[in-house]
Protein backbone atom coordinates (compact mmCIF):
# COMPACT_ATOMS: atom_id res chain seq x y z
CA MET A 1 0.00 0.00 0.00
CA ALA A 2 1.39 3.40 -1.00
CA THR A 3 1.25 6.38 1.33
CA ILE A 4 0.42 9.76 -0.18
CA PRO A 5 1.89 12.78 1.61
CA VAL A 6 -0.86 15.04 2.98
CA SER A 7 0.76 18.07 1.34
CA SER A 8 0.14 16.56 -2.12
CA ILE A 9 -3.58 15.94 -1.60
CA ASN A 10 -6.04 18.57 -2.80
CA HIS A 11 -8.05 19.34 0.31
CA ARG A 12 -9.95 22.04 2.14
CA ILE A 13 -11.74 22.47 5.44
CA ASP A 14 -15.50 23.15 5.38
CA ARG A 15 -17.40 25.51 7.71
CA GLN A 16 -17.98 22.75 10.25
CA GLY A 17 -14.28 21.89 10.36
CA ALA A 18 -14.55 18.70 8.28
CA TRP A 19 -11.68 17.84 5.97
CA ILE A 20 -12.82 17.53 2.34
CA ILE A 21 -10.51 15.77 -0.11
CA SER A 22 -10.84 16.57 -3.80
CA LEU A 23 -10.61 13.62 -6.15
CA TYR A 24 -9.60 15.88 -9.01
CA ARG A 25 -8.71 19.56 -9.33
CA ARG A 26 -7.83 21.21 -12.61
CA THR A 27 -8.73 24.34 -14.58
CA GLY A 28 -11.01 25.75 -11.92
CA VAL A 29 -13.08 22.59 -11.36
CA SER A 30 -12.78 20.51 -8.22
CA VAL A 31 -14.52 17.13 -8.35
CA GLU A 32 -15.14 15.84 -4.88
CA SER A 33 -17.96 13.35 -5.53
CA TYR A 34 -20.54 12.10 -7.99
CA VAL A 35 -24.10 12.96 -7.13
CA GLU A 36 -27.30 11.50 -8.54
CA MET A 37 -30.53 12.96 -7.21
CA ALA A 38 -33.87 11.13 -7.10
CA ARG A 39 -37.26 12.81 -7.26
CA GLY A 40 -38.55 14.32 -4.04
CA VAL A 41 -35.17 15.06 -2.46
CA ALA A 42 -35.23 18.05 -0.11
CA VAL A 43 -33.47 21.09 -1.57
CA ARG A 44 -32.76 24.58 -0.29
CA CYS A 45 -30.54 27.54 -1.06
CA GLU A 46 -28.60 30.00 1.04
CA VAL A 47 -27.63 33.33 -0.51
CA ASP A 48 -24.65 35.41 0.60
CA ARG A 49 -25.35 38.80 -1.01
CA LEU A 50 -22.20 40.41 0.36
CA ASN A 51 -19.92 37.90 -1.39
CA GLU A 52 -22.30 37.27 -4.31
CA GLN A 53 -22.39 33.54 -3.63
CA ALA A 54 -25.10 30.94 -3.29
CA SER A 55 -25.04 27.52 -1.67
CA LEU A 56 -27.48 24.95 -3.01
CA ALA A 57 -28.12 22.15 -0.52
CA PHE A 58 -29.57 18.75 -1.44
CA GLY A 59 -30.88 16.06 0.92
CA SER A 60 -32.62 16.28 4.28
CA SER A 61 -29.31 16.48 6.10
CA GLU A 62 -27.61 18.50 3.35
CA SER A 63 -25.85 15.43 2.00
CA PHE A 64 -24.50 17.50 -0.88
CA VAL A 65 -23.84 21.25 -1.00
CA LEU A 66 -22.90 23.13 -4.15
CA SER A 67 -21.37 26.56 -3.47
CA LEU A 68 -21.18 28.90 -6.47
CA ASP A 69 -20.36 32.52 -7.14
CA ARG A 70 -22.76 34.57 -9.27
CA ASP A 71 -21.04 33.78 -12.60
CA ALA A 72 -20.90 30.04 -11.94
CA LEU A 73 -24.54 30.05 -10.79
CA GLU A 74 -25.57 31.81 -14.02
CA GLN A 75 -23.66 29.19 -16.04
CA LEU A 76 -25.33 26.36 -14.12
CA VAL A 77 -28.82 27.82 -14.59
CA SER A 78 -28.17 28.43 -18.29
CA LEU A 79 -26.88 24.88 -18.78
CA GLY A 80 -29.82 23.44 -16.85
CA SER A 81 -32.27 25.47 -18.94
CA ARG A 82 -30.65 24.16 -22.13
CA ALA A 83 -30.90 20.60 -20.79
CA ILE A 84 -34.61 21.04 -20.05
CA VAL A 85 -35.21 22.26 -23.62
CA GLU A 86 -33.27 19.26 -24.97
CA LEU A 87 -35.35 16.86 -22.85
CA ASP A 88 -38.46 18.16 -24.62
CA VAL A 89 -37.02 17.60 -28.11
CA GLU A 90 -37.53 14.27 -29.82
CA GLY A 91 -34.50 12.73 -31.47
CA GLU A 92 -31.40 10.82 -30.46
CA PRO A 93 -31.46 9.46 -26.90
CA LEU A 94 -28.28 11.34 -25.91
CA THR A 95 -27.31 14.91 -26.78
CA VAL A 96 -23.88 16.26 -25.85
CA MET A 97 -23.86 20.00 -25.18
């Protein structure tokens, strides 16, 4: 078993003091997990107007939290809107945007 030095691991500490390890970090994207959400999952948002950030929380115990600045939130909403339009279009079963 190989040991990875802590200094080489992409990590951060969340607001509750938990250590979060990124699986991948490159070009401004940090992938820390894969999330698939079923229908009926509890969702909520928290807006920080001073820092122009929003946190989108998913799951009854906030199992997954997505924190975005204004620009990233606009990109996410735009992409989601495009995906909804594509879901309504008949054609190939998979569209890559």
